[in-house]
Protein backbone atom coordinates (compact mmCIF):
# COMPACT_ATOMS: atom_id res chain seq x y z
CA UNK A 1 -8.22 74.26 -147.17
CA UNK A 2 -11.89 73.24 -147.35
CA UNK A 3 -14.39 75.06 -145.18
CA UNK A 4 -17.79 73.54 -144.37
CA UNK A 5 -19.45 76.98 -143.93
CA UNK A 6 -22.37 75.60 -141.93
CA UNK A 7 -20.33 74.26 -139.03
CA UNK A 8 -22.46 73.86 -135.92
CA UNK A 9 -23.85 71.06 -133.75
CA UNK A 10 -26.92 70.43 -135.93
CA UNK A 11 -24.60 69.17 -138.66
CA UNK A 12 -22.43 66.97 -136.45
CA UNK A 13 -23.11 63.30 -135.81
CA UNK A 14 -21.12 61.97 -132.87
CA UNK A 15 -21.32 58.27 -132.00
CA UNK A 16 -19.13 58.55 -128.91
CA UNK A 17 -16.00 57.72 -130.86
CA UNK A 18 -16.16 59.30 -134.32
CA UNK A 19 -17.46 62.59 -135.67
CA UNK A 20 -19.29 62.69 -139.00
CA UNK A 21 -20.35 65.92 -140.66
CA UNK A 22 -23.46 66.35 -142.82
CA UNK A 23 -25.01 69.15 -144.89
CA UNK A 24 -21.95 70.00 -146.98
CA UNK A 25 -23.78 71.97 -149.68
CA UNK A 26 -21.91 75.22 -148.87
CA UNK A 27 -18.46 73.65 -148.50
CA UNK A 28 -15.64 75.06 -150.60
CA UNK A 29 -12.08 76.27 -150.10
CA UNK A 30 -11.72 79.17 -147.72
CA UNK A 31 -10.05 80.39 -144.54
CA UNK A 32 -10.22 77.98 -141.60
CA UNK A 33 -12.06 80.49 -139.43
CA UNK A 34 -15.07 80.49 -141.79
CA UNK A 35 -16.20 77.42 -139.88
CA UNK A 36 -16.25 79.34 -136.61
CA UNK A 37 -18.73 82.06 -137.63
CA UNK A 38 -21.87 80.26 -136.55
CA UNK A 39 -20.26 79.11 -133.33
CA UNK A 40 -19.14 82.71 -132.67
CA UNK A 41 -22.64 84.15 -133.06
CA UNK A 42 -24.71 81.27 -131.70
CA UNK A 43 -23.16 78.68 -129.41
CA UNK A 44 -20.44 80.97 -128.05
CA UNK A 45 -22.46 84.20 -127.97
CA UNK A 46 -23.99 83.80 -124.52
CA UNK A 47 -21.46 81.18 -123.41
CA UNK A 48 -18.01 82.76 -123.07
CA UNK A 49 -16.99 79.60 -121.20
CA UNK A 50 -17.41 77.60 -124.43
CA UNK A 51 -15.30 80.09 -126.36
CA UNK A 52 -12.68 79.96 -123.59
CA UNK A 53 -12.69 76.15 -123.73
CA UNK A 54 -12.18 76.26 -127.50
CA UNK A 55 -9.26 78.66 -127.05
CA UNK A 56 -7.73 76.43 -124.38
CA UNK A 57 -7.80 73.53 -126.82
CA UNK A 58 -6.93 75.43 -130.00
CA UNK A 59 -4.72 78.15 -128.59
CA UNK A 60 -5.20 81.87 -128.59
CA UNK A 61 -6.10 83.68 -131.79
CA UNK A 62 -3.70 86.09 -133.44
CA UNK A 63 -5.15 89.60 -133.57
CA UNK A 64 -5.57 89.35 -137.35
CA UNK A 65 -7.41 86.03 -137.01
CA UNK A 66 -9.86 87.52 -134.52
CA UNK A 67 -10.57 90.51 -136.79
CA UNK A 68 -11.01 88.25 -139.83
CA UNK A 69 -13.29 85.91 -137.88
CA UNK A 70 -15.46 88.77 -136.63
CA UNK A 71 -15.62 90.39 -140.07
CA UNK A 72 -16.57 87.09 -141.67
CA UNK A 73 -19.20 86.55 -139.01
CA UNK A 74 -20.73 89.95 -139.84
CA UNK A 75 -20.98 88.94 -143.50
CA UNK A 76 -22.55 85.67 -142.34
CA UNK A 77 -25.18 87.60 -140.39
CA UNK A 78 -26.10 89.59 -143.48
CA UNK A 79 -26.39 86.36 -145.48
CA UNK A 80 -28.51 84.88 -142.67
CA UNK A 81 -30.87 87.85 -142.76
CA UNK A 82 -31.41 87.43 -146.51
CA UNK A 83 -31.92 83.66 -146.16
CA UNK A 84 -34.33 84.09 -143.25
CA UNK A 85 -36.35 86.74 -145.10
CA UNK A 86 -36.55 84.51 -148.18
CA UNK A 87 -37.79 81.61 -146.00
CA UNK A 88 -40.10 83.70 -143.81
CA UNK A 89 -38.12 82.73 -140.69
CA UNK A 90 -38.63 85.88 -138.66
CA UNK A 91 -37.08 84.46 -135.48
CA UNK A 92 -33.83 83.61 -137.27
CA UNK A 93 -33.84 86.97 -139.08
CA UNK A 94 -34.42 88.83 -135.81
CA UNK A 95 -31.54 87.02 -134.12
CA UNK A 96 -29.24 87.76 -137.07
CA UNK A 97 -30.26 91.43 -137.08
CA UNK A 98 -29.58 91.69 -133.34
CA UNK A 99 -26.11 90.14 -133.75
CA UNK A 100 -25.38 92.46 -136.66
CA UNK A 101 -26.37 95.49 -134.55
CA UNK A 102 -24.04 94.23 -131.78
CA UNK A 103 -21.16 93.92 -134.22
CA UNK A 104 -21.73 97.43 -135.60
CA UNK A 105 -21.92 98.88 -132.09
CA UNK A 106 -18.66 97.14 -131.11
CA UNK A 107 -16.78 98.36 -134.22
């Protein structure tokens, strides 16, 4: 199954009826939950209500899915740190480092 791998609102174009997705440079086959990593660490991080709404629509996650999603999100944070350092985006790097510390503390 294809995964976009940069799935978040900045890459969605909604015209009120149809959704289009842009910025597909990282897309390739992978687990479906790869597209939830950014949502997990950004949009859902301080908004458990959004995560709850997603789960109401999607259904609850199996325990293995939750572990895989969290693990993949940790890898995504490490990739984000490297990208942010390479692009001198200290704010983005700082946010990724903070989320990585949270994940390590929760493990």
